[in-house]
Amino acid sequence: MRALVDTNVILDYVLERQPFHPDAEKIVLLVAAKDIVGYLSSITPINVYYTGRKLKGREHSLKEVRRLVRLFEIVTADKQVLQNAFDLEFPDYEDAVQCASAISESLEAIVTRDTSDFEKSPIPIFSPAAFIEFLNTNDQ
C-alpha cells in the first residue's frame, strides 16, 4: 500500500500530541518496517521543522525531519500540482496541495485526522485509526 500521510499525523507523532500519538506512531512504524510505503508532501518536513522548533527545540526538530526524510518518500508540489490543487475545491488549500501531490504519484490512500477537509478527494481517505484497521483487515 502506497499512502500519503498528512502533516497533522506526522506532527502528532513528532510532537507526541495526545490522544493522537499512538496511532501516528503505529503508522510511522509501519513505514519503518516497510509494511507500507509512506509518502509525505514536500511541505510536510518544512512544517514539522517550523512547528517542532518552537515547541521542542531546533535539535529535536532537525533530528525528526532527518528521520522523516530517510523513512518516507516525498511527493513534489511543483507548479502543475499547485495549479491542480485549485481544481479540487477543498476548503483548505494546503490539504488540496497534499491531495493533488498524492494524485500526481497515483497513491492509493491519504491518512489524515482531517477527513472532512478531504471529502472531495478522488483518493480514499482514512483517519489513522481507520487506516490501521483497514490494513489489519486486509492483511488476513
N, C-alpha and C. Protein backbone atom coordinates (compact mmCIF):
# COMPACT_ATOMS: atom_id res chain seq x y z
N MET A 1 0.85 -1.18 0.00
CA MET A 1 0.00 0.00 0.00
C MET A 1 0.89 1.23 0.00
N ARG A 2 0.57 2.15 -0.87
CA ARG A 2 1.30 3.42 -1.00
C ARG A 2 0.38 4.53 -0.54
N ALA A 3 0.73 5.18 0.57
CA ALA A 3 -0.17 6.17 1.17
C ALA A 3 0.56 7.45 1.54
N LEU A 4 -0.12 8.57 1.29
CA LEU A 4 0.37 9.87 1.74
C LEU A 4 -0.09 10.05 3.18
N VAL A 5 0.82 10.43 4.04
CA VAL A 5 0.49 10.70 5.44
C VAL A 5 0.47 12.22 5.61
N ASP A 6 -0.68 12.73 6.02
CA ASP A 6 -0.89 14.17 6.16
C ASP A 6 0.02 14.75 7.25
N THR A 7 0.32 16.01 7.08
CA THR A 7 1.17 16.72 8.02
C THR A 7 0.67 16.60 9.46
N ASN A 8 -0.66 16.67 9.66
CA ASN A 8 -1.16 16.64 11.03
C ASN A 8 -0.84 15.32 11.73
N VAL A 9 -0.84 14.23 11.00
CA VAL A 9 -0.50 12.93 11.58
C VAL A 9 0.98 12.89 11.95
N ILE A 10 1.81 13.43 11.08
CA ILE A 10 3.25 13.47 11.36
C ILE A 10 3.55 14.37 12.55
N LEU A 11 2.86 15.49 12.64
CA LEU A 11 3.04 16.37 13.81
C LEU A 11 2.57 15.67 15.09
N ASP A 12 1.50 14.89 15.01
CA ASP A 12 1.06 14.13 16.18
C ASP A 12 2.16 13.21 16.66
N TYR A 13 2.85 12.60 15.71
CA TYR A 13 3.94 11.68 16.05
C TYR A 13 5.14 12.44 16.63
N VAL A 14 5.62 13.42 15.91
CA VAL A 14 6.85 14.13 16.31
C VAL A 14 6.66 14.88 17.62
N LEU A 15 5.50 15.51 17.79
CA LEU A 15 5.25 16.32 18.99
C LEU A 15 4.60 15.53 20.11
N GLU A 16 4.34 14.24 19.85
CA GLU A 16 3.71 13.37 20.84
C GLU A 16 2.39 13.95 21.35
N ARG A 17 1.58 14.46 20.41
CA ARG A 17 0.30 15.06 20.78
C ARG A 17 -0.69 13.96 21.14
N GLN A 18 -1.25 14.09 22.31
CA GLN A 18 -2.22 13.12 22.80
C GLN A 18 -3.64 13.63 22.52
N PRO A 19 -4.56 12.76 22.27
CA PRO A 19 -4.50 11.31 22.30
C PRO A 19 -4.13 10.69 20.95
N PHE A 20 -3.58 11.49 20.05
CA PHE A 20 -3.36 11.06 18.67
C PHE A 20 -2.03 10.33 18.44
N HIS A 21 -1.08 10.52 19.33
CA HIS A 21 0.27 9.98 19.14
C HIS A 21 0.32 8.48 18.91
N PRO A 22 -0.39 7.64 19.68
CA PRO A 22 -0.25 6.20 19.47
C PRO A 22 -0.56 5.73 18.05
N ASP A 23 -1.63 6.22 17.46
CA ASP A 23 -1.95 5.81 16.08
C ASP A 23 -0.94 6.37 15.09
N ALA A 24 -0.51 7.61 15.30
CA ALA A 24 0.50 8.20 14.42
C ALA A 24 1.80 7.40 14.50
N GLU A 25 2.17 6.99 15.70
CA GLU A 25 3.39 6.20 15.87
C GLU A 25 3.27 4.85 15.16
N LYS A 26 2.11 4.21 15.23
CA LYS A 26 1.90 2.94 14.54
C LYS A 26 2.12 3.09 13.04
N ILE A 27 1.65 4.19 12.49
CA ILE A 27 1.80 4.41 11.05
C ILE A 27 3.27 4.61 10.70
N VAL A 28 3.98 5.40 11.48
CA VAL A 28 5.41 5.60 11.23
C VAL A 28 6.16 4.28 11.36
N LEU A 29 5.79 3.47 12.32
CA LEU A 29 6.44 2.16 12.48
C LEU A 29 6.14 1.24 11.31
N LEU A 30 4.94 1.31 10.74
CA LEU A 30 4.61 0.52 9.55
C LEU A 30 5.50 0.93 8.38
N VAL A 31 5.75 2.22 8.26
CA VAL A 31 6.63 2.72 7.20
C VAL A 31 8.06 2.25 7.46
N ALA A 32 8.51 2.38 8.70
CA ALA A 32 9.87 1.97 9.04
C ALA A 32 10.09 0.48 8.79
N ALA A 33 9.05 -0.33 9.05
CA ALA A 33 9.15 -1.78 8.83
C ALA A 33 8.93 -2.16 7.37
N LYS A 34 8.64 -1.17 6.54
CA LYS A 34 8.38 -1.37 5.11
C LYS A 34 7.13 -2.22 4.86
N ASP A 35 6.19 -2.17 5.82
CA ASP A 35 4.90 -2.83 5.63
C ASP A 35 4.02 -2.02 4.69
N ILE A 36 4.26 -0.72 4.65
CA ILE A 36 3.61 0.18 3.69
C ILE A 36 4.68 1.12 3.17
N VAL A 37 4.40 1.74 2.03
CA VAL A 37 5.28 2.79 1.52
C VAL A 37 4.62 4.11 1.86
N GLY A 38 5.24 4.84 2.75
CA GLY A 38 4.70 6.11 3.19
C GLY A 38 5.27 7.26 2.38
N TYR A 39 4.40 8.20 2.08
CA TYR A 39 4.78 9.40 1.34
C TYR A 39 4.41 10.63 2.16
N LEU A 40 5.20 11.66 2.00
CA LEU A 40 4.91 12.96 2.59
C LEU A 40 4.89 13.99 1.48
N SER A 41 4.06 14.98 1.66
CA SER A 41 4.12 16.13 0.78
C SER A 41 5.45 16.84 1.04
N SER A 42 5.97 17.48 0.03
CA SER A 42 7.25 18.17 0.20
C SER A 42 7.16 19.30 1.23
N ILE A 43 5.96 19.75 1.54
CA ILE A 43 5.81 20.82 2.54
C ILE A 43 5.81 20.27 3.97
N THR A 44 5.60 18.97 4.13
CA THR A 44 5.49 18.41 5.48
C THR A 44 6.77 18.54 6.30
N PRO A 45 7.94 18.15 5.79
CA PRO A 45 9.15 18.32 6.61
C PRO A 45 9.40 19.78 7.02
N ILE A 46 9.06 20.70 6.15
CA ILE A 46 9.22 22.13 6.46
C ILE A 46 8.29 22.53 7.59
N ASN A 47 7.04 22.10 7.49
CA ASN A 47 6.06 22.41 8.55
C ASN A 47 6.43 21.75 9.87
N VAL A 48 6.94 20.53 9.80
CA VAL A 48 7.35 19.82 11.01
C VAL A 48 8.51 20.56 11.67
N TYR A 49 9.48 20.98 10.89
CA TYR A 49 10.60 21.72 11.46
C TYR A 49 10.13 23.03 12.07
N TYR A 50 9.32 23.77 11.34
CA TYR A 50 8.86 25.08 11.81
C TYR A 50 8.09 24.97 13.12
N THR A 51 7.14 24.04 13.16
CA THR A 51 6.31 23.88 14.35
C THR A 51 7.09 23.24 15.48
N GLY A 52 7.85 22.20 15.16
CA GLY A 52 8.62 21.49 16.18
C GLY A 52 9.69 22.33 16.83
N ARG A 53 10.32 23.18 16.05
CA ARG A 53 11.39 24.05 16.58
C ARG A 53 10.85 24.93 17.70
N LYS A 54 9.65 25.44 17.52
CA LYS A 54 9.05 26.31 18.52
C LYS A 54 8.67 25.56 19.79
N LEU A 55 8.25 24.29 19.63
CA LEU A 55 7.74 23.53 20.76
C LEU A 55 8.74 22.57 21.40
N LYS A 56 9.67 22.04 20.59
CA LYS A 56 10.60 21.04 21.10
C LYS A 56 12.07 21.42 20.92
N GLY A 57 12.32 22.51 20.22
CA GLY A 57 13.69 22.96 20.02
C GLY A 57 14.25 22.56 18.66
N ARG A 58 15.27 23.28 18.25
CA ARG A 58 15.88 23.11 16.94
C ARG A 58 16.47 21.71 16.73
N GLU A 59 17.26 21.23 17.68
CA GLU A 59 17.93 19.94 17.52
C GLU A 59 16.94 18.80 17.40
N HIS A 60 15.95 18.79 18.27
CA HIS A 60 14.92 17.74 18.21
C HIS A 60 14.24 17.78 16.84
N SER A 61 13.90 18.96 16.39
CA SER A 61 13.18 19.11 15.12
C SER A 61 14.04 18.65 13.94
N LEU A 62 15.29 19.03 13.92
CA LEU A 62 16.17 18.59 12.83
C LEU A 62 16.34 17.08 12.83
N LYS A 63 16.49 16.49 14.01
CA LYS A 63 16.63 15.04 14.11
C LYS A 63 15.39 14.35 13.54
N GLU A 64 14.21 14.84 13.90
CA GLU A 64 12.97 14.23 13.43
C GLU A 64 12.78 14.42 11.93
N VAL A 65 13.11 15.59 11.42
CA VAL A 65 12.98 15.85 9.98
C VAL A 65 13.94 14.95 9.21
N ARG A 66 15.16 14.80 9.69
CA ARG A 66 16.11 13.88 9.04
C ARG A 66 15.55 12.46 8.98
N ARG A 67 14.97 12.02 10.08
CA ARG A 67 14.40 10.68 10.13
C ARG A 67 13.23 10.55 9.15
N LEU A 68 12.37 11.54 9.12
CA LEU A 68 11.22 11.50 8.21
C LEU A 68 11.67 11.44 6.75
N VAL A 69 12.65 12.25 6.39
CA VAL A 69 13.13 12.28 5.01
C VAL A 69 13.79 10.95 4.64
N ARG A 70 14.39 10.30 5.62
CA ARG A 70 15.00 9.00 5.37
C ARG A 70 13.93 7.90 5.22
N LEU A 71 12.90 7.94 6.03
CA LEU A 71 11.89 6.87 6.03
C LEU A 71 10.86 6.99 4.92
N PHE A 72 10.44 8.19 4.63
CA PHE A 72 9.32 8.42 3.73
C PHE A 72 9.80 8.84 2.34
N GLU A 73 9.00 8.49 1.36
CA GLU A 73 9.16 9.05 0.02
C GLU A 73 8.55 10.46 0.06
N ILE A 74 9.00 11.33 -0.80
CA ILE A 74 8.49 12.70 -0.83
C ILE A 74 7.83 12.96 -2.18
N VAL A 75 6.58 13.40 -2.14
CA VAL A 75 5.91 13.80 -3.38
C VAL A 75 6.15 15.29 -3.59
N THR A 76 6.22 15.69 -4.82
CA THR A 76 6.54 17.08 -5.11
C THR A 76 5.29 17.95 -5.15
N ALA A 77 5.55 19.20 -4.97
CA ALA A 77 4.49 20.21 -5.11
C ALA A 77 4.98 21.21 -6.14
N ASP A 78 5.09 20.75 -7.40
CA ASP A 78 5.56 21.63 -8.46
C ASP A 78 4.42 22.53 -8.94
N LYS A 79 4.69 23.33 -9.94
CA LYS A 79 3.70 24.28 -10.43
C LYS A 79 2.40 23.60 -10.85
N GLN A 80 2.50 22.47 -11.55
CA GLN A 80 1.31 21.77 -12.00
C GLN A 80 0.47 21.26 -10.82
N VAL A 81 1.13 20.72 -9.83
CA VAL A 81 0.43 20.24 -8.63
C VAL A 81 -0.27 21.41 -7.93
N LEU A 82 0.44 22.52 -7.80
CA LEU A 82 -0.16 23.70 -7.14
C LEU A 82 -1.37 24.21 -7.92
N GLN A 83 -1.30 24.16 -9.23
CA GLN A 83 -2.46 24.58 -10.04
C GLN A 83 -3.59 23.56 -9.93
N ASN A 84 -3.26 22.28 -9.98
CA ASN A 84 -4.29 21.24 -9.87
C ASN A 84 -5.01 21.30 -8.52
N ALA A 85 -4.33 21.75 -7.50
CA ALA A 85 -4.95 21.84 -6.17
C ALA A 85 -6.15 22.78 -6.18
N PHE A 86 -6.10 23.83 -6.97
CA PHE A 86 -7.25 24.75 -7.05
C PHE A 86 -8.48 24.04 -7.60
N ASP A 87 -8.28 23.15 -8.55
CA ASP A 87 -9.40 22.44 -9.17
C ASP A 87 -10.12 21.49 -8.22
N LEU A 88 -9.46 21.10 -7.15
CA LEU A 88 -10.08 20.19 -6.19
C LEU A 88 -11.15 20.87 -5.34
N GLU A 89 -11.09 22.18 -5.25
CA GLU A 89 -12.07 22.98 -4.49
C GLU A 89 -12.19 22.51 -3.04
N PHE A 90 -11.05 22.27 -2.41
CA PHE A 90 -11.03 21.93 -0.99
C PHE A 90 -11.22 23.20 -0.17
N PRO A 91 -11.72 23.08 1.06
CA PRO A 91 -11.82 24.26 1.92
C PRO A 91 -10.45 24.81 2.34
N ASP A 92 -9.43 23.93 2.39
CA ASP A 92 -8.10 24.34 2.81
C ASP A 92 -7.11 24.06 1.68
N TYR A 93 -6.43 25.09 1.22
CA TYR A 93 -5.51 24.94 0.08
C TYR A 93 -4.36 23.98 0.40
N GLU A 94 -3.83 24.03 1.61
CA GLU A 94 -2.73 23.13 1.96
C GLU A 94 -3.17 21.67 1.81
N ASP A 95 -4.37 21.34 2.26
CA ASP A 95 -4.89 19.98 2.10
C ASP A 95 -5.06 19.64 0.62
N ALA A 96 -5.51 20.61 -0.15
CA ALA A 96 -5.67 20.39 -1.59
C ALA A 96 -4.32 20.12 -2.26
N VAL A 97 -3.28 20.81 -1.82
CA VAL A 97 -1.94 20.57 -2.37
C VAL A 97 -1.47 19.16 -2.03
N GLN A 98 -1.71 18.74 -0.80
CA GLN A 98 -1.30 17.38 -0.42
C GLN A 98 -2.06 16.35 -1.25
N CYS A 99 -3.35 16.56 -1.45
CA CYS A 99 -4.15 15.64 -2.26
C CYS A 99 -3.68 15.65 -3.71
N ALA A 100 -3.47 16.83 -4.27
CA ALA A 100 -3.00 16.92 -5.66
C ALA A 100 -1.64 16.25 -5.82
N SER A 101 -0.79 16.36 -4.80
CA SER A 101 0.51 15.67 -4.82
C SER A 101 0.31 14.16 -4.83
N ALA A 102 -0.61 13.68 -4.01
CA ALA A 102 -0.89 12.24 -3.95
C ALA A 102 -1.46 11.74 -5.27
N ILE A 103 -2.31 12.54 -5.89
CA ILE A 103 -2.87 12.18 -7.19
C ILE A 103 -1.76 12.07 -8.23
N SER A 104 -0.83 13.03 -8.20
CA SER A 104 0.25 13.04 -9.20
C SER A 104 1.14 11.81 -9.08
N GLU A 105 1.19 11.19 -7.90
CA GLU A 105 2.00 9.99 -7.67
C GLU A 105 1.17 8.71 -7.76
N SER A 106 -0.12 8.84 -8.08
CA SER A 106 -1.04 7.70 -8.15
C SER A 106 -1.05 6.88 -6.86
N LEU A 107 -1.09 7.58 -5.72
CA LEU A 107 -1.11 6.90 -4.44
C LEU A 107 -2.47 6.28 -4.18
N GLU A 108 -2.50 5.31 -3.28
CA GLU A 108 -3.71 4.53 -3.03
C GLU A 108 -4.54 5.04 -1.86
N ALA A 109 -3.96 5.89 -1.01
CA ALA A 109 -4.68 6.36 0.17
C ALA A 109 -4.04 7.63 0.71
N ILE A 110 -4.85 8.37 1.46
CA ILE A 110 -4.35 9.51 2.22
C ILE A 110 -4.79 9.28 3.67
N VAL A 111 -3.85 9.43 4.59
CA VAL A 111 -4.12 9.26 6.01
C VAL A 111 -4.07 10.62 6.67
N THR A 112 -5.19 11.02 7.28
CA THR A 112 -5.30 12.35 7.88
C THR A 112 -6.28 12.32 9.04
N ARG A 113 -6.08 13.22 9.99
CA ARG A 113 -7.10 13.40 11.03
C ARG A 113 -8.23 14.29 10.54
N ASP A 114 -7.98 15.07 9.50
CA ASP A 114 -8.98 16.00 8.99
C ASP A 114 -9.74 15.40 7.80
N THR A 115 -10.37 14.27 8.02
CA THR A 115 -11.04 13.57 6.91
C THR A 115 -12.12 14.43 6.27
N SER A 116 -12.78 15.27 7.04
CA SER A 116 -13.85 16.10 6.46
C SER A 116 -13.31 17.12 5.46
N ASP A 117 -12.07 17.55 5.63
CA ASP A 117 -11.47 18.50 4.68
C ASP A 117 -11.09 17.84 3.36
N PHE A 118 -11.09 16.52 3.32
CA PHE A 118 -10.70 15.78 2.12
C PHE A 118 -11.90 15.10 1.45
N GLU A 119 -13.11 15.55 1.76
CA GLU A 119 -14.31 14.90 1.23
C GLU A 119 -14.34 14.82 -0.29
N LYS A 120 -13.73 15.78 -0.97
CA LYS A 120 -13.75 15.80 -2.43
C LYS A 120 -12.58 15.04 -3.05
N SER A 121 -11.83 14.35 -2.25
CA SER A 121 -10.66 13.63 -2.74
C SER A 121 -11.07 12.44 -3.60
N PRO A 122 -10.44 12.28 -4.76
CA PRO A 122 -10.68 11.07 -5.55
C PRO A 122 -9.91 9.86 -5.02
N ILE A 123 -9.03 10.08 -4.07
CA ILE A 123 -8.24 9.02 -3.44
C ILE A 123 -8.92 8.67 -2.11
N PRO A 124 -9.01 7.38 -1.75
CA PRO A 124 -9.60 7.01 -0.46
C PRO A 124 -8.90 7.71 0.71
N ILE A 125 -9.71 8.18 1.64
CA ILE A 125 -9.23 8.91 2.81
C ILE A 125 -9.49 8.08 4.05
N PHE A 126 -8.49 8.03 4.92
CA PHE A 126 -8.61 7.28 6.17
C PHE A 126 -8.13 8.12 7.34
N SER A 127 -8.80 8.02 8.47
CA SER A 127 -8.21 8.51 9.71
C SER A 127 -7.09 7.54 10.05
N PRO A 128 -6.17 7.93 10.92
CA PRO A 128 -5.11 6.98 11.29
C PRO A 128 -5.66 5.66 11.84
N ALA A 129 -6.64 5.73 12.74
CA ALA A 129 -7.20 4.50 13.31
C ALA A 129 -7.88 3.65 12.24
N ALA A 130 -8.63 4.29 11.34
CA ALA A 130 -9.32 3.55 10.27
C ALA A 130 -8.31 2.93 9.31
N PHE A 131 -7.20 3.62 9.06
CA PHE A 131 -6.18 3.08 8.17
C PHE A 131 -5.53 1.84 8.77
N ILE A 132 -5.21 1.91 10.05
CA ILE A 132 -4.62 0.75 10.74
C ILE A 132 -5.61 -0.42 10.70
N GLU A 133 -6.87 -0.14 10.96
CA GLU A 133 -7.89 -1.19 10.91
C GLU A 133 -8.01 -1.77 9.50
N PHE A 134 -8.00 -0.91 8.50
CA PHE A 134 -8.06 -1.35 7.11
C PHE A 134 -6.90 -2.29 6.78
N LEU A 135 -5.71 -1.90 7.18
CA LEU A 135 -4.53 -2.73 6.92
C LEU A 135 -4.64 -4.08 7.64
N ASN A 136 -5.08 -4.05 8.89
CA ASN A 136 -5.22 -5.30 9.66
C ASN A 136 -6.26 -6.21 9.04
N THR A 137 -7.36 -5.64 8.58
CA THR A 137 -8.45 -6.41 7.98
C THR A 137 -8.03 -7.01 6.64
N ASN A 138 -7.29 -6.26 5.87
CA ASN A 138 -6.92 -6.71 4.53
C ASN A 138 -5.61 -7.50 4.50
N ASP A 139 -4.99 -7.65 5.64
CA ASP A 139 -3.75 -8.42 5.74
C ASP A 139 -4.03 -9.91 5.89
N GLN A 140 -5.23 -10.24 6.29
CA GLN A 140 -5.55 -11.62 6.62
C GLN A 140 -6.02 -12.41 5.45
